Amino acid sequence: MTRINIGIDNNGVVCSPNGGHFRGGEGAQIVWESPHNPFTLHFALVSGKGHPSWPFKGSPQPVFQRTKPFEGTLAECQDENHPPAYKYTVVVDGYVPLDPIIIVDK
């Protein structure tokens, strides 16, 4: 399981490790957590269109301010030659958001 820690630095959202970027295989588990700030996550498939998309198994969950960790398990990669990439935005009210990437490998 990979843990992504959300924090604030210089009036902006920061994530660690790797700036919140993650590359993993289908079934990989990711947990986002912030000990001090409620946060919201927004996901979109990187396709040039920015349409909302859900990279996890199961139905999309509503996006709202979270004070507890959020956990997701990456869905199956449909085309191993073109692994999907998702931009996600981490929002903490009052701070500059952060836009890392998730890539799902076969």
N, C-alpha and C. Protein backbone atom coordinates (compact mmCIF):
# COMPACT_ATOMS: atom_id res chain seq x y z
N MET A 1 0.84 -1.17 0.00
CA MET A 1 0.00 0.00 0.00
C MET A 1 0.90 1.24 0.00
N THR A 2 0.56 2.19 -0.87
CA THR A 2 1.29 3.44 -0.95
C THR A 2 0.52 4.52 -0.21
N ARG A 3 1.21 5.27 0.63
CA ARG A 3 0.59 6.38 1.36
C ARG A 3 1.08 7.69 0.77
N ILE A 4 0.15 8.56 0.44
CA ILE A 4 0.48 9.90 -0.05
C ILE A 4 0.05 10.88 1.03
N ASN A 5 1.02 11.59 1.57
CA ASN A 5 0.78 12.55 2.64
C ASN A 5 0.55 13.93 2.05
N ILE A 6 -0.52 14.59 2.49
CA ILE A 6 -0.89 15.91 2.00
C ILE A 6 -0.54 16.92 3.07
N GLY A 7 0.15 17.98 2.66
CA GLY A 7 0.53 19.04 3.60
C GLY A 7 0.47 20.40 2.92
N ILE A 8 0.90 21.41 3.64
CA ILE A 8 0.93 22.79 3.14
C ILE A 8 2.34 23.31 3.30
N ASP A 9 2.86 23.99 2.25
CA ASP A 9 4.17 24.63 2.31
C ASP A 9 4.12 25.87 1.43
N ASN A 10 4.55 27.01 1.95
CA ASN A 10 4.56 28.27 1.19
C ASN A 10 3.22 28.56 0.54
N ASN A 11 2.13 28.40 1.27
CA ASN A 11 0.77 28.71 0.83
C ASN A 11 0.26 27.80 -0.28
N GLY A 12 0.90 26.65 -0.50
CA GLY A 12 0.45 25.71 -1.52
C GLY A 12 0.38 24.29 -0.98
N VAL A 13 -0.42 23.48 -1.66
CA VAL A 13 -0.54 22.06 -1.30
C VAL A 13 0.70 21.33 -1.77
N VAL A 14 1.22 20.46 -0.93
CA VAL A 14 2.35 19.60 -1.28
C VAL A 14 1.98 18.16 -0.93
N CYS A 15 2.53 17.22 -1.68
CA CYS A 15 2.31 15.80 -1.42
C CYS A 15 3.64 15.08 -1.41
N SER A 16 3.74 14.07 -0.57
CA SER A 16 4.94 13.25 -0.55
C SER A 16 4.50 11.80 -0.36
N PRO A 17 5.26 10.88 -0.89
CA PRO A 17 6.49 11.07 -1.65
C PRO A 17 6.22 11.43 -3.11
N ASN A 18 7.28 11.74 -3.81
CA ASN A 18 7.29 11.98 -5.27
C ASN A 18 6.33 13.06 -5.72
N GLY A 19 6.06 14.04 -4.89
CA GLY A 19 5.15 15.12 -5.28
C GLY A 19 3.73 14.65 -5.52
N GLY A 20 3.40 13.43 -5.02
CA GLY A 20 2.06 12.87 -5.22
C GLY A 20 1.91 12.05 -6.47
N HIS A 21 2.95 12.03 -7.32
CA HIS A 21 2.90 11.22 -8.55
C HIS A 21 3.02 9.74 -8.18
N PHE A 22 2.30 8.89 -8.93
CA PHE A 22 2.32 7.46 -8.64
C PHE A 22 2.18 6.67 -9.93
N ARG A 23 2.98 5.63 -10.06
CA ARG A 23 2.85 4.68 -11.17
C ARG A 23 2.80 3.30 -10.56
N GLY A 24 1.72 2.57 -10.86
CA GLY A 24 1.57 1.26 -10.26
C GLY A 24 0.69 0.37 -11.10
N GLY A 25 0.70 -0.89 -10.77
CA GLY A 25 -0.09 -1.88 -11.49
C GLY A 25 -1.52 -1.93 -11.00
N GLU A 26 -2.36 -2.53 -11.84
CA GLU A 26 -3.76 -2.70 -11.45
C GLU A 26 -3.81 -3.42 -10.10
N GLY A 27 -4.72 -3.01 -9.27
CA GLY A 27 -4.86 -3.60 -7.94
C GLY A 27 -4.00 -2.93 -6.87
N ALA A 28 -3.12 -2.01 -7.28
CA ALA A 28 -2.31 -1.30 -6.28
C ALA A 28 -3.22 -0.43 -5.42
N GLN A 29 -2.91 -0.37 -4.15
CA GLN A 29 -3.71 0.43 -3.22
C GLN A 29 -2.97 1.71 -2.89
N ILE A 30 -3.72 2.83 -2.89
CA ILE A 30 -3.17 4.14 -2.56
C ILE A 30 -4.05 4.74 -1.47
N VAL A 31 -3.41 5.37 -0.50
CA VAL A 31 -4.13 6.08 0.56
C VAL A 31 -3.62 7.51 0.61
N TRP A 32 -4.53 8.47 0.55
CA TRP A 32 -4.21 9.88 0.74
C TRP A 32 -4.63 10.26 2.14
N GLU A 33 -3.75 11.00 2.85
CA GLU A 33 -4.10 11.43 4.18
C GLU A 33 -3.45 12.77 4.50
N SER A 34 -4.12 13.51 5.35
CA SER A 34 -3.63 14.80 5.82
C SER A 34 -3.95 14.91 7.30
N PRO A 35 -2.93 15.03 8.14
CA PRO A 35 -3.20 15.08 9.57
C PRO A 35 -3.84 16.39 10.04
N HIS A 36 -3.74 17.46 9.23
CA HIS A 36 -4.16 18.78 9.70
C HIS A 36 -5.22 19.46 8.86
N ASN A 37 -5.37 19.09 7.59
CA ASN A 37 -6.26 19.84 6.69
C ASN A 37 -7.24 18.93 5.96
N PRO A 38 -8.54 19.26 6.00
CA PRO A 38 -9.48 18.54 5.14
C PRO A 38 -9.11 18.80 3.67
N PHE A 39 -9.31 17.80 2.83
CA PHE A 39 -8.92 17.94 1.42
C PHE A 39 -9.97 17.33 0.52
N THR A 40 -9.89 17.72 -0.75
CA THR A 40 -10.75 17.16 -1.79
C THR A 40 -9.85 16.66 -2.91
N LEU A 41 -10.22 15.55 -3.54
CA LEU A 41 -9.50 15.01 -4.70
C LEU A 41 -10.42 15.01 -5.90
N HIS A 42 -9.92 15.47 -7.05
CA HIS A 42 -10.66 15.45 -8.31
C HIS A 42 -9.80 14.69 -9.32
N PHE A 43 -10.38 13.73 -10.04
CA PHE A 43 -9.63 12.90 -10.99
C PHE A 43 -10.12 13.13 -12.41
N ALA A 44 -9.19 13.14 -13.39
CA ALA A 44 -9.55 13.26 -14.80
C ALA A 44 -8.54 12.46 -15.62
N LEU A 45 -9.02 11.72 -16.62
CA LEU A 45 -8.16 10.98 -17.53
C LEU A 45 -7.38 11.99 -18.36
N VAL A 46 -6.07 11.79 -18.48
CA VAL A 46 -5.25 12.69 -19.28
C VAL A 46 -5.47 12.31 -20.74
N SER A 47 -6.36 13.05 -21.40
CA SER A 47 -6.70 12.76 -22.79
C SER A 47 -6.75 14.04 -23.61
N GLY A 48 -6.42 15.14 -22.97
CA GLY A 48 -6.52 16.43 -23.65
C GLY A 48 -7.88 17.06 -23.47
N LYS A 49 -8.85 16.32 -22.96
CA LYS A 49 -10.20 16.84 -22.81
C LYS A 49 -10.53 17.16 -21.35
N GLY A 50 -9.82 16.54 -20.40
CA GLY A 50 -10.00 16.83 -18.99
C GLY A 50 -11.32 16.35 -18.41
N HIS A 51 -11.97 15.38 -19.08
CA HIS A 51 -13.23 14.87 -18.56
C HIS A 51 -13.00 14.15 -17.23
N PRO A 52 -13.92 14.31 -16.28
CA PRO A 52 -13.78 13.56 -15.04
C PRO A 52 -13.73 12.06 -15.32
N SER A 53 -12.91 11.36 -14.57
CA SER A 53 -12.77 9.93 -14.75
C SER A 53 -12.36 9.33 -13.41
N TRP A 54 -12.56 8.05 -13.24
CA TRP A 54 -12.33 7.38 -11.97
C TRP A 54 -11.32 6.26 -12.18
N PRO A 55 -10.11 6.34 -11.61
CA PRO A 55 -9.07 5.34 -11.85
C PRO A 55 -9.15 4.11 -10.95
N PHE A 56 -10.18 4.03 -10.12
CA PHE A 56 -10.24 2.99 -9.10
C PHE A 56 -11.31 1.95 -9.37
N LYS A 57 -11.17 0.79 -8.73
CA LYS A 57 -12.21 -0.22 -8.78
C LYS A 57 -13.46 0.32 -8.09
N GLY A 58 -14.61 -0.12 -8.55
CA GLY A 58 -15.85 0.33 -7.92
C GLY A 58 -16.38 1.60 -8.55
N SER A 59 -17.54 1.99 -8.13
CA SER A 59 -18.20 3.18 -8.66
C SER A 59 -17.52 4.44 -8.13
N PRO A 60 -17.55 5.51 -8.94
CA PRO A 60 -16.99 6.77 -8.45
C PRO A 60 -17.65 7.20 -7.15
N GLN A 61 -16.82 7.71 -6.26
CA GLN A 61 -17.33 8.21 -5.00
C GLN A 61 -17.53 9.72 -5.10
N PRO A 62 -18.49 10.26 -4.35
CA PRO A 62 -18.69 11.70 -4.39
C PRO A 62 -17.45 12.43 -3.87
N VAL A 63 -17.20 13.59 -4.46
CA VAL A 63 -16.05 14.40 -4.06
C VAL A 63 -16.54 15.40 -3.02
N PHE A 64 -15.93 15.38 -1.85
CA PHE A 64 -16.28 16.32 -0.80
C PHE A 64 -15.08 16.49 0.12
N GLN A 65 -15.17 17.46 1.00
CA GLN A 65 -14.06 17.70 1.93
C GLN A 65 -13.86 16.48 2.81
N ARG A 66 -12.67 15.98 2.86
CA ARG A 66 -12.36 14.79 3.64
C ARG A 66 -11.47 15.17 4.82
N THR A 67 -11.81 14.68 5.96
CA THR A 67 -10.96 14.86 7.12
C THR A 67 -10.28 13.55 7.48
N LYS A 68 -10.71 12.48 6.85
CA LYS A 68 -10.13 11.16 7.10
C LYS A 68 -9.40 10.72 5.83
N PRO A 69 -8.55 9.73 5.95
CA PRO A 69 -7.85 9.25 4.74
C PRO A 69 -8.83 8.76 3.67
N PHE A 70 -8.39 8.88 2.41
CA PHE A 70 -9.14 8.34 1.28
C PHE A 70 -8.31 7.21 0.70
N GLU A 71 -8.93 6.06 0.48
CA GLU A 71 -8.22 4.90 -0.05
C GLU A 71 -8.85 4.45 -1.35
N GLY A 72 -8.01 4.12 -2.34
CA GLY A 72 -8.49 3.60 -3.61
C GLY A 72 -7.62 2.45 -4.09
N THR A 73 -8.23 1.51 -4.81
CA THR A 73 -7.51 0.40 -5.43
C THR A 73 -7.60 0.58 -6.94
N LEU A 74 -6.45 0.67 -7.61
CA LEU A 74 -6.43 0.95 -9.04
C LEU A 74 -7.16 -0.12 -9.85
N ALA A 75 -7.95 0.35 -10.82
CA ALA A 75 -8.72 -0.54 -11.69
C ALA A 75 -7.80 -1.21 -12.71
N GLU A 76 -8.35 -2.17 -13.41
CA GLU A 76 -7.61 -2.92 -14.42
C GLU A 76 -7.21 -2.02 -15.59
N CYS A 77 -6.00 -2.24 -16.08
CA CYS A 77 -5.50 -1.55 -17.27
C CYS A 77 -6.03 -2.28 -18.50
N GLN A 78 -6.76 -1.61 -19.35
CA GLN A 78 -7.39 -2.24 -20.51
C GLN A 78 -6.41 -2.48 -21.67
N ASP A 79 -5.38 -1.64 -21.83
CA ASP A 79 -4.44 -1.75 -22.95
C ASP A 79 -3.03 -1.57 -22.43
N GLU A 80 -2.29 -2.67 -22.29
CA GLU A 80 -0.95 -2.59 -21.71
C GLU A 80 0.02 -1.75 -22.54
N ASN A 81 -0.28 -1.55 -23.83
CA ASN A 81 0.58 -0.71 -24.67
C ASN A 81 0.31 0.77 -24.48
N HIS A 82 -0.83 1.10 -23.89
CA HIS A 82 -1.20 2.49 -23.65
C HIS A 82 -1.79 2.61 -22.24
N PRO A 83 -0.92 2.54 -21.21
CA PRO A 83 -1.45 2.61 -19.84
C PRO A 83 -2.10 3.97 -19.61
N PRO A 84 -3.26 3.98 -18.97
CA PRO A 84 -3.95 5.24 -18.74
C PRO A 84 -3.21 6.10 -17.71
N ALA A 85 -3.26 7.39 -17.93
CA ALA A 85 -2.70 8.36 -16.98
C ALA A 85 -3.84 9.25 -16.53
N TYR A 86 -3.86 9.54 -15.26
CA TYR A 86 -4.90 10.38 -14.67
C TYR A 86 -4.24 11.56 -13.97
N LYS A 87 -4.72 12.74 -14.27
CA LYS A 87 -4.32 13.92 -13.51
C LYS A 87 -5.30 13.99 -12.35
N TYR A 88 -4.79 14.28 -11.19
CA TYR A 88 -5.71 14.53 -10.09
C TYR A 88 -5.31 15.82 -9.41
N THR A 89 -6.30 16.48 -8.87
CA THR A 89 -6.07 17.75 -8.19
C THR A 89 -6.35 17.57 -6.71
N VAL A 90 -5.40 17.99 -5.90
CA VAL A 90 -5.56 17.97 -4.45
C VAL A 90 -5.89 19.39 -4.02
N VAL A 91 -7.07 19.57 -3.43
CA VAL A 91 -7.53 20.89 -3.03
C VAL A 91 -7.66 20.95 -1.51
N VAL A 92 -7.04 21.97 -0.93
CA VAL A 92 -7.22 22.33 0.47
C VAL A 92 -7.67 23.78 0.44
N ASP A 93 -8.85 24.05 0.96
CA ASP A 93 -9.41 25.41 0.90
C ASP A 93 -8.42 26.45 1.41
N GLY A 94 -8.26 27.52 0.60
CA GLY A 94 -7.40 28.63 0.99
C GLY A 94 -5.96 28.51 0.54
N TYR A 95 -5.61 27.40 -0.15
CA TYR A 95 -4.23 27.17 -0.58
C TYR A 95 -4.19 26.84 -2.07
N VAL A 96 -3.03 27.07 -2.69
CA VAL A 96 -2.85 26.76 -4.11
C VAL A 96 -2.90 25.24 -4.28
N PRO A 97 -3.79 24.72 -5.16
CA PRO A 97 -3.91 23.26 -5.34
C PRO A 97 -2.69 22.66 -6.03
N LEU A 98 -2.62 21.34 -6.00
CA LEU A 98 -1.54 20.58 -6.62
C LEU A 98 -2.14 19.59 -7.60
N ASP A 99 -1.46 19.37 -8.76
CA ASP A 99 -1.97 18.49 -9.82
C ASP A 99 -0.98 17.39 -10.18
N PRO A 100 -0.87 16.33 -9.37
CA PRO A 100 -0.01 15.19 -9.71
C PRO A 100 -0.66 14.27 -10.75
N ILE A 101 0.07 13.21 -11.12
CA ILE A 101 -0.37 12.24 -12.12
C ILE A 101 -0.30 10.82 -11.53
N ILE A 102 -1.27 9.97 -11.93
CA ILE A 102 -1.26 8.55 -11.63
C ILE A 102 -1.24 7.81 -12.97
N ILE A 103 -0.34 6.84 -13.12
CA ILE A 103 -0.30 5.99 -14.31
C ILE A 103 -0.58 4.56 -13.87
N VAL A 104 -1.51 3.89 -14.57
CA VAL A 104 -1.90 2.51 -14.22
C VAL A 104 -1.29 1.56 -15.24
N ASP A 105 -0.35 0.73 -14.80
CA ASP A 105 0.29 -0.27 -15.66
C ASP A 105 -0.42 -1.59 -15.55
N LYS A 106 -0.20 -2.45 -16.55
CA LYS A 106 -0.76 -3.81 -16.57
C LYS A 106 -0.03 -4.64 -15.57
